[in-house]
């Protein structure tokens, strides 16, 4: 059933975002926004640490698929950048460095494998 598959995939995606958020917190980051939506797009996670800010795109992938930036085409990158700009305008905060990051999340029988790529585009 397609509806059941979509629900399961959505739930798995939320679980993946939660794992990424937990890993960020364990590494000393503060998650300050989740699933932020603005008129110009959405951001999965927004985190800060010291003077650093990261907009984190969480990509769930099948264990058989290779990690690759092809999952982030030009349209998606433009939408992410636009959403990041909108978030910065909506939140009057000062940071020394603002970048994007991608968290590749692979569901495994024993949990999730998470790989981070800082400033991928």
C-alpha atoms as a PDB file:
ATOM      1  CA  UNK A   1       0.000   0.000   0.000  1.00  0.00           C
ATOM      2  CA  UNK A   2       1.515   3.317  -1.054  1.00  0.00           C
ATOM      3  CA  UNK A   3      -0.007   5.282   1.847  1.00  0.00           C
ATOM      4  CA  UNK A   4       1.490   2.868   4.365  1.00  0.00           C
ATOM      5  CA  UNK A   5       4.920   3.064   2.704  1.00  0.00           C
ATOM      6  CA  UNK A   6       4.797   6.872   2.743  1.00  0.00           C
ATOM      7  CA  UNK A   7       3.860   6.933   6.444  1.00  0.00           C
ATOM      8  CA  UNK A   8       6.616   4.462   7.312  1.00  0.00           C
ATOM      9  CA  UNK A   9       9.160   6.440   5.291  1.00  0.00           C
ATOM     10  CA  UNK A  10       8.041   9.692   6.928  1.00  0.00           C
ATOM     11  CA  UNK A  11       8.300   8.143  10.379  1.00  0.00           C
ATOM     12  CA  UNK A  12      11.730   6.748   9.553  1.00  0.00           C
ATOM     13  CA  UNK A  13      12.793  10.192   8.347  1.00  0.00           C
ATOM     14  CA  UNK A  14      11.678  11.768  11.633  1.00  0.00           C
ATOM     15  CA  UNK A  15      13.593   9.080  13.528  1.00  0.00           C
ATOM     16  CA  UNK A  16      16.666   9.906  11.435  1.00  0.00           C
ATOM     17  CA  UNK A  17      16.321  13.615  12.236  1.00  0.00           C
ATOM     18  CA  UNK A  18      16.043  12.793  15.934  1.00  0.00           C
ATOM     19  CA  UNK A  19      19.221  10.686  15.817  1.00  0.00           C
ATOM     20  CA  UNK A  20      21.075  13.511  14.064  1.00  0.00           C
ATOM     21  CA  UNK A  21      19.834  16.013  16.663  1.00  0.00           C
ATOM     22  CA  UNK A  22      20.982  13.718  19.481  1.00  0.00           C
ATOM     23  CA  UNK A  23      24.428  13.323  17.905  1.00  0.00           C
ATOM     24  CA  UNK A  24      24.767  17.067  17.500  1.00  0.00           C
ATOM     25  CA  UNK A  25      23.844  17.665  21.149  1.00  0.00           C
ATOM     26  CA  UNK A  26      26.315  14.980  22.245  1.00  0.00           C
ATOM     27  CA  UNK A  27      29.004  16.849  20.277  1.00  0.00           C
ATOM     28  CA  UNK A  28      28.246  20.100  22.097  1.00  0.00           C
ATOM     29  CA  UNK A  29      25.860  21.706  19.604  1.00  0.00           C
ATOM     30  CA  UNK A  30      22.545  23.272  20.598  1.00  0.00           C
ATOM     31  CA  UNK A  31      19.656  22.462  18.254  1.00  0.00           C
ATOM     32  CA  UNK A  32      17.711  25.719  18.073  1.00  0.00           C
ATOM     33  CA  UNK A  33      15.175  24.851  15.361  1.00  0.00           C
ATOM     34  CA  UNK A  34      13.658  21.708  13.848  1.00  0.00           C
ATOM     35  CA  UNK A  35      11.669  21.417  10.659  1.00  0.00           C
ATOM     36  CA  UNK A  36      11.604  25.203  10.276  1.00  0.00           C
ATOM     37  CA  UNK A  37       9.354  26.387   7.460  1.00  0.00           C
ATOM     38  CA  UNK A  38       9.367  29.796   5.909  1.00  0.00           C
ATOM     39  CA  UNK A  39       7.852  31.264   2.778  1.00  0.00           C
ATOM     40  CA  UNK A  40      11.026  30.416   0.861  1.00  0.00           C
ATOM     41  CA  UNK A  41      11.608  26.835   1.985  1.00  0.00           C
ATOM     42  CA  UNK A  42      12.318  24.588   4.921  1.00  0.00           C
ATOM     43  CA  UNK A  43      15.256  23.545   7.054  1.00  0.00           C
ATOM     44  CA  UNK A  44      15.480  20.172   8.800  1.00  0.00           C
ATOM     45  CA  UNK A  45      17.689  21.275  11.712  1.00  0.00           C
ATOM     46  CA  UNK A  46      19.372  24.495  12.775  1.00  0.00           C
ATOM     47  CA  UNK A  47      22.169  24.164  15.321  1.00  0.00           C
ATOM     48  CA  UNK A  48      24.719  26.435  16.957  1.00  0.00           C
ATOM     49  CA  UNK A  49      27.934  26.009  18.869  1.00  0.00           C
ATOM     50  CA  UNK A  50      30.034  28.897  20.085  1.00  0.00           C
ATOM     51  CA  UNK A  51      29.907  31.413  17.207  1.00  0.00           C
ATOM     52  CA  UNK A  52      29.019  28.789  14.571  1.00  0.00           C
ATOM     53  CA  UNK A  53      25.612  28.199  12.965  1.00  0.00           C
ATOM     54  CA  UNK A  54      24.709  25.210  10.819  1.00  0.00           C
ATOM     55  CA  UNK A  55      21.638  24.595   8.671  1.00  0.00           C
ATOM     56  CA  UNK A  56      21.523  20.807   8.505  1.00  0.00           C
ATOM     57  CA  UNK A  57      19.794  18.912   5.721  1.00  0.00           C
ATOM     58  CA  UNK A  58      19.063  15.355   6.842  1.00  0.00           C
ATOM     59  CA  UNK A  59      19.063  12.814   4.011  1.00  0.00           C
ATOM     60  CA  UNK A  60      17.836   9.308   4.740  1.00  0.00           C
ATOM     61  CA  UNK A  61      19.316   6.736   2.394  1.00  0.00           C
ATOM     62  CA  UNK A  62      19.129   3.053   1.759  1.00  0.00           C
ATOM     63  CA  UNK A  63      22.169   1.034   2.921  1.00  0.00           C
ATOM     64  CA  UNK A  64      22.686  -0.060  -0.714  1.00  0.00           C
ATOM     65  CA  UNK A  65      22.885   3.500  -2.067  1.00  0.00           C
ATOM     66  CA  UNK A  66      26.232   5.271  -2.284  1.00  0.00           C
ATOM     67  CA  UNK A  67      26.555   8.622  -0.523  1.00  0.00           C
ATOM     68  CA  UNK A  68      26.507  11.385  -3.055  1.00  0.00           C
ATOM     69  CA  UNK A  69      25.593  15.000  -3.477  1.00  0.00           C
ATOM     70  CA  UNK A  70      23.487  14.109  -6.504  1.00  0.00           C
ATOM     71  CA  UNK A  71      20.622  13.811  -3.995  1.00  0.00           C
ATOM     72  CA  UNK A  72      20.914  17.598  -3.658  1.00  0.00           C
ATOM     73  CA  UNK A  73      20.221  18.974  -7.113  1.00  0.00           C
ATOM     74  CA  UNK A  74      20.460  22.638  -8.034  1.00  0.00           C
ATOM     75  CA  UNK A  75      16.810  23.301  -7.246  1.00  0.00           C
ATOM     76  CA  UNK A  76      17.123  21.805  -3.747  1.00  0.00           C
ATOM     77  CA  UNK A  77      20.341  23.728  -3.027  1.00  0.00           C
ATOM     78  CA  UNK A  78      18.703  27.000  -4.109  1.00  0.00           C
ATOM     79  CA  UNK A  79      15.705  26.246  -1.875  1.00  0.00           C
ATOM     80  CA  UNK A  80      17.969  25.485   1.083  1.00  0.00           C
ATOM     81  CA  UNK A  81      19.976  28.677   0.600  1.00  0.00           C
ATOM     82  CA  UNK A  82      16.799  30.694   0.303  1.00  0.00           C
ATOM     83  CA  UNK A  83      15.382  29.104   3.463  1.00  0.00           C
ATOM     84  CA  UNK A  84      18.649  29.783   5.288  1.00  0.00           C
ATOM     85  CA  UNK A  85      18.524  33.445   4.302  1.00  0.00           C
ATOM     86  CA  UNK A  86      14.889  33.663   5.441  1.00  0.00           C
ATOM     87  CA  UNK A  87      15.767  32.026   8.769  1.00  0.00           C
ATOM     88  CA  UNK A  88      18.570  34.525   9.340  1.00  0.00           C
ATOM     89  CA  UNK A  89      16.213  37.423   8.571  1.00  0.00           C
ATOM     90  CA  UNK A  90      13.571  36.021  10.941  1.00  0.00           C
ATOM     91  CA  UNK A  91      16.084  35.455  13.751  1.00  0.00           C
ATOM     92  CA  UNK A  92      18.159  38.487  14.572  1.00  0.00           C
ATOM     93  CA  UNK A  93      21.203  36.582  15.851  1.00  0.00           C
ATOM     94  CA  UNK A  94      24.899  37.167  15.242  1.00  0.00           C
ATOM     95  CA  UNK A  95      27.264  34.354  14.229  1.00  0.00           C
ATOM     96  CA  UNK A  96      30.918  34.286  13.229  1.00  0.00           C
ATOM     97  CA  UNK A  97      30.285  31.540  10.678  1.00  0.00           C
ATOM     98  CA  UNK A  98      27.123  30.314   8.968  1.00  0.00           C
ATOM     99  CA  UNK A  99      27.249  27.172   6.807  1.00  0.00           C
ATOM    100  CA  UNK A 100      25.150  24.329   5.566  1.00  0.00           C
ATOM    101  CA  UNK A 101      25.781  20.715   6.460  1.00  0.00           C
ATOM    102  CA  UNK A 102      24.323  17.451   5.253  1.00  0.00           C
ATOM    103  CA  UNK A 103      23.724  14.507   7.553  1.00  0.00           C
ATOM    104  CA  UNK A 104      23.534  11.249   5.601  1.00  0.00           C
ATOM    105  CA  UNK A 105      21.481   8.823   7.693  1.00  0.00           C
ATOM    106  CA  UNK A 106      21.471   5.117   6.908  1.00  0.00           C
ATOM    107  CA  UNK A 107      19.024   2.913   8.812  1.00  0.00           C
ATOM    108  CA  UNK A 108      20.644  -0.332   9.941  1.00  0.00           C
ATOM    109  CA  UNK A 109      19.274  -3.270  11.904  1.00  0.00           C
ATOM    110  CA  UNK A 110      21.253  -2.032  14.909  1.00  0.00           C
ATOM    111  CA  UNK A 111      20.165   1.626  14.652  1.00  0.00           C
ATOM    112  CA  UNK A 112      21.400   4.385  12.357  1.00  0.00           C
ATOM    113  CA  UNK A 113      24.740   5.290  10.810  1.00  0.00           C
ATOM    114  CA  UNK A 114      25.200   9.063  10.506  1.00  0.00           C
ATOM    115  CA  UNK A 115      27.818  10.769   8.347  1.00  0.00           C
ATOM    116  CA  UNK A 116      28.186  14.552   8.345  1.00  0.00           C
ATOM    117  CA  UNK A 117      29.420  16.679   5.475  1.00  0.00           C
ATOM    118  CA  UNK A 118      30.092  20.285   6.450  1.00  0.00           C
ATOM    119  CA  UNK A 119      29.702  23.054   3.839  1.00  0.00           C
ATOM    120  CA  UNK A 120      28.874  20.687   0.928  1.00  0.00           C
ATOM    121  CA  UNK A 121      27.801  23.346  -1.587  1.00  0.00           C
END
